[in-house]
Amino acid sequence: MTTDLSAEDVKLVRLARAARLRAYTPHGAVPEGAAVRDTDGRTYAGATVDHADPALVTSALRVAVATAASSGARAFGSAVVVSDAPEGGADTAGMALLAEFGSGIPVVVAGPDGTVRRSVST
């Protein structure tokens, strides 16, 4: 795991890694985990939910954001996506959903071992 992250972002990486292990991917979707932190410091995690119809696959980032929003979160401080795919994580739809809550939200994309691959923002 990269040590350049804040302690709070390291926590998000751990939550996202644990969520990835719970991904539901019987139809071949890449298992991903995501975690978001709202501006009140609360954290939420989600995992990929696969479906036989590829159009209905829900990314881990969308699950985490939807979980947070349905719990009352309306602003986010940061997010992490952990993905098996070399170029995976921070999918377009997930980023678009997160951007509904603000611009400039940092999103860290990491591999299953927690190593940071890249950082993007909404």
N, C-alpha and C. Protein backbone atom coordinates (compact mmCIF):
# COMPACT_ATOMS: atom_id res chain seq x y z
N MET A 1 0.85 -1.17 0.00
CA MET A 1 0.00 0.00 0.00
C MET A 1 0.89 1.24 0.00
N THR A 2 0.50 2.23 -0.74
CA THR A 2 1.28 3.45 -0.83
C THR A 2 1.13 4.26 0.45
N THR A 3 2.24 4.76 0.96
CA THR A 3 2.21 5.53 2.19
C THR A 3 1.98 7.01 1.94
N ASP A 4 1.82 7.42 0.69
CA ASP A 4 1.57 8.83 0.37
C ASP A 4 0.14 9.24 0.70
N LEU A 5 -0.69 8.30 1.09
CA LEU A 5 -2.08 8.60 1.39
C LEU A 5 -2.23 9.05 2.84
N SER A 6 -3.25 9.85 3.08
CA SER A 6 -3.57 10.24 4.45
C SER A 6 -4.08 9.01 5.21
N ALA A 7 -4.08 9.08 6.51
CA ALA A 7 -4.60 7.97 7.32
C ALA A 7 -6.05 7.67 6.97
N GLU A 8 -6.82 8.70 6.70
CA GLU A 8 -8.23 8.50 6.34
C GLU A 8 -8.37 7.83 4.98
N ASP A 9 -7.50 8.15 4.04
CA ASP A 9 -7.55 7.49 2.74
C ASP A 9 -7.06 6.05 2.82
N VAL A 10 -6.10 5.78 3.70
CA VAL A 10 -5.66 4.40 3.92
C VAL A 10 -6.83 3.57 4.45
N LYS A 11 -7.63 4.17 5.31
CA LYS A 11 -8.83 3.49 5.82
C LYS A 11 -9.79 3.18 4.67
N LEU A 12 -9.96 4.12 3.75
CA LEU A 12 -10.84 3.87 2.60
C LEU A 12 -10.30 2.74 1.74
N VAL A 13 -8.99 2.67 1.56
CA VAL A 13 -8.39 1.57 0.79
C VAL A 13 -8.72 0.25 1.46
N ARG A 14 -8.57 0.19 2.77
CA ARG A 14 -8.87 -1.06 3.49
C ARG A 14 -10.34 -1.44 3.34
N LEU A 15 -11.22 -0.47 3.47
CA LEU A 15 -12.66 -0.75 3.30
C LEU A 15 -12.97 -1.24 1.89
N ALA A 16 -12.36 -0.60 0.89
CA ALA A 16 -12.60 -0.99 -0.50
C ALA A 16 -12.04 -2.39 -0.79
N ARG A 17 -10.88 -2.69 -0.23
CA ARG A 17 -10.31 -4.04 -0.42
C ARG A 17 -11.23 -5.09 0.18
N ALA A 18 -11.75 -4.84 1.36
CA ALA A 18 -12.65 -5.80 2.01
C ALA A 18 -13.95 -5.93 1.22
N ALA A 19 -14.45 -4.83 0.71
CA ALA A 19 -15.69 -4.86 -0.09
C ALA A 19 -15.48 -5.68 -1.36
N ARG A 20 -14.32 -5.53 -2.00
CA ARG A 20 -14.04 -6.27 -3.24
C ARG A 20 -14.18 -7.77 -3.02
N LEU A 21 -13.82 -8.25 -1.86
CA LEU A 21 -13.93 -9.68 -1.56
C LEU A 21 -15.38 -10.15 -1.48
N ARG A 22 -16.31 -9.22 -1.35
CA ARG A 22 -17.73 -9.57 -1.28
C ARG A 22 -18.46 -9.31 -2.60
N ALA A 23 -17.72 -8.96 -3.65
CA ALA A 23 -18.35 -8.68 -4.95
C ALA A 23 -19.14 -9.90 -5.44
N TYR A 24 -20.25 -9.63 -6.10
CA TYR A 24 -21.09 -10.67 -6.69
C TYR A 24 -20.85 -10.64 -8.19
N THR A 25 -20.03 -11.58 -8.69
CA THR A 25 -19.63 -11.56 -10.10
C THR A 25 -19.74 -12.92 -10.78
N PRO A 26 -20.93 -13.57 -10.76
CA PRO A 26 -21.05 -14.90 -11.37
C PRO A 26 -21.03 -14.89 -12.89
N HIS A 27 -21.18 -13.72 -13.51
CA HIS A 27 -21.25 -13.66 -14.98
C HIS A 27 -19.99 -13.09 -15.60
N GLY A 28 -18.93 -12.95 -14.80
CA GLY A 28 -17.65 -12.55 -15.37
C GLY A 28 -17.27 -11.09 -15.21
N ALA A 29 -18.07 -10.30 -14.53
CA ALA A 29 -17.66 -8.91 -14.29
C ALA A 29 -16.41 -8.90 -13.42
N VAL A 30 -15.61 -7.87 -13.55
CA VAL A 30 -14.40 -7.73 -12.75
C VAL A 30 -14.82 -7.35 -11.33
N PRO A 31 -14.36 -8.11 -10.34
CA PRO A 31 -14.71 -7.76 -8.97
C PRO A 31 -13.99 -6.49 -8.52
N GLU A 32 -14.76 -5.54 -8.04
CA GLU A 32 -14.21 -4.29 -7.54
C GLU A 32 -14.84 -3.98 -6.19
N GLY A 33 -14.13 -3.22 -5.41
CA GLY A 33 -14.65 -2.69 -4.16
C GLY A 33 -14.43 -1.19 -4.17
N ALA A 34 -15.29 -0.47 -3.50
CA ALA A 34 -15.14 0.98 -3.42
C ALA A 34 -15.53 1.43 -2.03
N ALA A 35 -14.98 2.55 -1.64
CA ALA A 35 -15.35 3.18 -0.38
C ALA A 35 -15.34 4.69 -0.59
N VAL A 36 -16.29 5.36 0.03
CA VAL A 36 -16.37 6.81 -0.05
C VAL A 36 -16.46 7.36 1.37
N ARG A 37 -15.98 8.59 1.51
CA ARG A 37 -16.09 9.29 2.78
C ARG A 37 -16.85 10.58 2.53
N ASP A 38 -17.91 10.79 3.32
CA ASP A 38 -18.65 12.04 3.15
C ASP A 38 -17.95 13.16 3.93
N THR A 39 -18.43 14.37 3.77
CA THR A 39 -17.75 15.51 4.39
C THR A 39 -17.96 15.56 5.91
N ASP A 40 -18.81 14.69 6.43
CA ASP A 40 -18.97 14.56 7.88
C ASP A 40 -18.04 13.49 8.45
N GLY A 41 -17.26 12.82 7.58
CA GLY A 41 -16.32 11.81 8.02
C GLY A 41 -16.87 10.39 8.05
N ARG A 42 -18.13 10.22 7.68
CA ARG A 42 -18.71 8.87 7.64
C ARG A 42 -18.24 8.15 6.38
N THR A 43 -18.05 6.83 6.51
CA THR A 43 -17.57 6.05 5.38
C THR A 43 -18.61 5.02 4.97
N TYR A 44 -18.60 4.71 3.69
CA TYR A 44 -19.53 3.75 3.10
C TYR A 44 -18.75 2.92 2.09
N ALA A 45 -19.09 1.64 2.00
CA ALA A 45 -18.39 0.76 1.06
C ALA A 45 -19.40 0.04 0.17
N GLY A 46 -18.93 -0.41 -0.97
CA GLY A 46 -19.78 -1.17 -1.88
C GLY A 46 -18.92 -2.06 -2.76
N ALA A 47 -19.55 -3.05 -3.36
CA ALA A 47 -18.86 -3.99 -4.24
C ALA A 47 -19.63 -4.14 -5.54
N THR A 48 -18.95 -4.62 -6.56
CA THR A 48 -19.58 -4.88 -7.84
C THR A 48 -20.75 -5.84 -7.67
N VAL A 49 -21.85 -5.54 -8.35
CA VAL A 49 -23.00 -6.44 -8.41
C VAL A 49 -23.21 -6.78 -9.88
N ASP A 50 -22.88 -8.01 -10.24
CA ASP A 50 -22.94 -8.50 -11.62
C ASP A 50 -24.38 -8.88 -11.98
N HIS A 51 -24.63 -9.01 -13.27
CA HIS A 51 -25.94 -9.42 -13.79
C HIS A 51 -25.71 -10.08 -15.14
N ALA A 52 -26.59 -10.99 -15.50
CA ALA A 52 -26.47 -11.67 -16.80
C ALA A 52 -26.52 -10.67 -17.95
N ASP A 53 -27.27 -9.59 -17.79
CA ASP A 53 -27.33 -8.52 -18.78
C ASP A 53 -26.24 -7.50 -18.43
N PRO A 54 -25.21 -7.39 -19.25
CA PRO A 54 -24.10 -6.49 -18.92
C PRO A 54 -24.54 -5.04 -18.66
N ALA A 55 -25.64 -4.63 -19.26
CA ALA A 55 -26.12 -3.26 -19.04
C ALA A 55 -26.61 -3.05 -17.61
N LEU A 56 -26.87 -4.13 -16.90
CA LEU A 56 -27.38 -4.02 -15.53
C LEU A 56 -26.33 -4.24 -14.45
N VAL A 57 -25.08 -4.42 -14.85
CA VAL A 57 -23.99 -4.56 -13.87
C VAL A 57 -23.85 -3.22 -13.14
N THR A 58 -23.74 -3.27 -11.82
CA THR A 58 -23.58 -2.07 -11.02
C THR A 58 -22.16 -2.04 -10.47
N SER A 59 -21.44 -0.98 -10.79
CA SER A 59 -20.05 -0.87 -10.34
C SER A 59 -19.98 -0.63 -8.84
N ALA A 60 -18.85 -0.97 -8.28
CA ALA A 60 -18.63 -0.79 -6.85
C ALA A 60 -18.75 0.68 -6.45
N LEU A 61 -18.25 1.58 -7.29
CA LEU A 61 -18.32 3.00 -6.97
C LEU A 61 -19.77 3.47 -6.93
N ARG A 62 -20.58 3.02 -7.88
CA ARG A 62 -22.00 3.40 -7.86
C ARG A 62 -22.70 2.85 -6.64
N VAL A 63 -22.37 1.61 -6.24
CA VAL A 63 -22.97 1.02 -5.04
C VAL A 63 -22.60 1.85 -3.81
N ALA A 64 -21.32 2.20 -3.67
CA ALA A 64 -20.88 2.96 -2.50
C ALA A 64 -21.53 4.34 -2.44
N VAL A 65 -21.60 5.02 -3.58
CA VAL A 65 -22.21 6.35 -3.61
C VAL A 65 -23.71 6.25 -3.32
N ALA A 66 -24.37 5.27 -3.92
CA ALA A 66 -25.81 5.10 -3.68
C ALA A 66 -26.09 4.75 -2.22
N THR A 67 -25.25 3.93 -1.63
CA THR A 67 -25.40 3.59 -0.21
C THR A 67 -25.26 4.84 0.65
N ALA A 68 -24.26 5.64 0.35
CA ALA A 68 -24.04 6.87 1.11
C ALA A 68 -25.21 7.84 0.93
N ALA A 69 -25.63 8.03 -0.32
CA ALA A 69 -26.72 8.97 -0.59
C ALA A 69 -28.02 8.52 0.08
N SER A 70 -28.27 7.21 0.07
CA SER A 70 -29.50 6.72 0.69
C SER A 70 -29.44 6.79 2.22
N SER A 71 -28.24 7.02 2.74
CA SER A 71 -28.06 7.22 4.18
C SER A 71 -28.03 8.69 4.55
N GLY A 72 -28.19 9.56 3.55
CA GLY A 72 -28.27 10.99 3.81
C GLY A 72 -27.05 11.80 3.42
N ALA A 73 -25.99 11.17 2.95
CA ALA A 73 -24.79 11.92 2.53
C ALA A 73 -25.11 12.77 1.31
N ARG A 74 -24.65 14.00 1.33
CA ARG A 74 -24.89 14.90 0.20
C ARG A 74 -23.62 15.56 -0.33
N ALA A 75 -22.50 15.30 0.34
CA ALA A 75 -21.22 15.85 -0.11
C ALA A 75 -20.13 14.86 0.28
N PHE A 76 -19.12 14.72 -0.60
CA PHE A 76 -18.08 13.73 -0.40
C PHE A 76 -16.70 14.37 -0.35
N GLY A 77 -15.84 13.78 0.50
CA GLY A 77 -14.47 14.26 0.61
C GLY A 77 -13.50 13.50 -0.25
N SER A 78 -13.72 12.18 -0.38
CA SER A 78 -12.85 11.37 -1.24
C SER A 78 -13.45 9.99 -1.44
N ALA A 79 -12.84 9.26 -2.38
CA ALA A 79 -13.29 7.91 -2.71
C ALA A 79 -12.10 7.07 -3.12
N VAL A 80 -12.26 5.76 -2.98
CA VAL A 80 -11.25 4.80 -3.41
C VAL A 80 -11.95 3.67 -4.14
N VAL A 81 -11.35 3.22 -5.23
CA VAL A 81 -11.83 2.04 -5.95
C VAL A 81 -10.68 1.05 -6.02
N VAL A 82 -10.95 -0.19 -5.63
CA VAL A 82 -9.96 -1.27 -5.73
C VAL A 82 -10.45 -2.24 -6.79
N SER A 83 -9.60 -2.48 -7.78
CA SER A 83 -10.00 -3.29 -8.93
C SER A 83 -8.95 -4.30 -9.32
N ASP A 84 -9.40 -5.45 -9.80
CA ASP A 84 -8.51 -6.47 -10.36
C ASP A 84 -8.02 -6.09 -11.74
N ALA A 85 -8.81 -5.31 -12.46
CA ALA A 85 -8.47 -4.96 -13.84
C ALA A 85 -7.32 -3.95 -13.86
N PRO A 86 -6.32 -4.17 -14.72
CA PRO A 86 -5.19 -3.25 -14.79
C PRO A 86 -5.60 -1.81 -15.04
N GLU A 87 -6.59 -1.62 -15.86
CA GLU A 87 -7.07 -0.26 -16.16
C GLU A 87 -8.44 -0.01 -15.53
N GLY A 88 -8.84 -0.85 -14.61
CA GLY A 88 -10.18 -0.77 -14.04
C GLY A 88 -10.33 0.29 -12.98
N GLY A 89 -11.54 0.37 -12.48
CA GLY A 89 -11.85 1.30 -11.40
C GLY A 89 -12.28 2.65 -11.90
N ALA A 90 -13.02 3.35 -11.09
CA ALA A 90 -13.49 4.69 -11.42
C ALA A 90 -14.17 4.71 -12.79
N ASP A 91 -15.16 3.83 -12.96
CA ASP A 91 -15.90 3.74 -14.21
C ASP A 91 -16.62 5.06 -14.52
N THR A 92 -16.94 5.26 -15.78
CA THR A 92 -17.55 6.50 -16.22
C THR A 92 -18.86 6.79 -15.50
N ALA A 93 -19.73 5.78 -15.39
CA ALA A 93 -21.01 5.99 -14.72
C ALA A 93 -20.83 6.27 -13.23
N GLY A 94 -19.91 5.57 -12.59
CA GLY A 94 -19.64 5.82 -11.18
C GLY A 94 -19.10 7.22 -10.94
N MET A 95 -18.19 7.65 -11.81
CA MET A 95 -17.65 9.01 -11.68
C MET A 95 -18.73 10.05 -11.93
N ALA A 96 -19.62 9.77 -12.89
CA ALA A 96 -20.71 10.71 -13.16
C ALA A 96 -21.65 10.82 -11.96
N LEU A 97 -21.94 9.70 -11.34
CA LEU A 97 -22.81 9.72 -10.16
C LEU A 97 -22.13 10.50 -9.03
N LEU A 98 -20.85 10.24 -8.78
CA LEU A 98 -20.13 10.95 -7.73
C LEU A 98 -20.08 12.45 -8.03
N ALA A 99 -19.91 12.81 -9.30
CA ALA A 99 -19.84 14.21 -9.70
C ALA A 99 -21.16 14.94 -9.46
N GLU A 100 -22.26 14.22 -9.36
CA GLU A 100 -23.54 14.85 -9.02
C GLU A 100 -23.47 15.53 -7.67
N PHE A 101 -22.54 15.10 -6.83
CA PHE A 101 -22.42 15.61 -5.48
C PHE A 101 -21.29 16.64 -5.33
N GLY A 102 -20.62 16.96 -6.43
CA GLY A 102 -19.59 17.99 -6.38
C GLY A 102 -18.44 17.72 -7.31
N SER A 103 -17.74 18.78 -7.67
CA SER A 103 -16.57 18.63 -8.54
C SER A 103 -15.32 18.64 -7.69
N GLY A 104 -14.27 18.06 -8.22
CA GLY A 104 -12.99 18.05 -7.53
C GLY A 104 -12.86 17.01 -6.44
N ILE A 105 -13.77 16.04 -6.38
CA ILE A 105 -13.68 14.99 -5.37
C ILE A 105 -12.57 14.03 -5.80
N PRO A 106 -11.53 13.85 -4.97
CA PRO A 106 -10.45 12.95 -5.35
C PRO A 106 -10.87 11.48 -5.28
N VAL A 107 -10.44 10.73 -6.28
CA VAL A 107 -10.73 9.29 -6.35
C VAL A 107 -9.41 8.57 -6.58
N VAL A 108 -9.05 7.70 -5.65
CA VAL A 108 -7.84 6.89 -5.76
C VAL A 108 -8.23 5.54 -6.34
N VAL A 109 -7.49 5.06 -7.33
CA VAL A 109 -7.70 3.74 -7.91
C VAL A 109 -6.50 2.88 -7.50
N ALA A 110 -6.81 1.75 -6.87
CA ALA A 110 -5.75 0.87 -6.36
C ALA A 110 -5.97 -0.55 -6.84
N GLY A 111 -4.90 -1.33 -6.81
CA GLY A 111 -4.98 -2.75 -7.12
C GLY A 111 -5.45 -3.52 -5.90
N PRO A 112 -5.72 -4.81 -6.07
CA PRO A 112 -6.19 -5.65 -4.96
C PRO A 112 -5.27 -5.66 -3.75
N ASP A 113 -3.98 -5.40 -3.96
CA ASP A 113 -3.04 -5.38 -2.84
C ASP A 113 -3.00 -4.02 -2.15
N GLY A 114 -3.76 -3.06 -2.66
CA GLY A 114 -3.80 -1.73 -2.07
C GLY A 114 -2.83 -0.75 -2.67
N THR A 115 -2.03 -1.19 -3.64
CA THR A 115 -1.07 -0.30 -4.28
C THR A 115 -1.82 0.69 -5.17
N VAL A 116 -1.57 1.97 -4.95
CA VAL A 116 -2.23 3.01 -5.73
C VAL A 116 -1.72 2.97 -7.17
N ARG A 117 -2.67 2.94 -8.09
CA ARG A 117 -2.32 2.94 -9.53
C ARG A 117 -2.42 4.33 -10.12
N ARG A 118 -3.43 5.08 -9.70
CA ARG A 118 -3.63 6.41 -10.22
C ARG A 118 -4.62 7.16 -9.34
N SER A 119 -4.66 8.46 -9.53
CA SER A 119 -5.63 9.30 -8.84
C SER A 119 -6.30 10.18 -9.88
N VAL A 120 -7.62 10.30 -9.74
CA VAL A 120 -8.41 11.16 -10.63
C VAL A 120 -9.32 11.99 -9.74
N SER A 121 -10.09 12.85 -10.32
CA SER A 121 -11.08 13.59 -9.54
C SER A 121 -12.29 13.87 -10.42
N THR A 122 -13.41 14.18 -9.74
CA THR A 122 -14.64 14.45 -10.47
C THR A 122 -14.57 15.81 -11.11
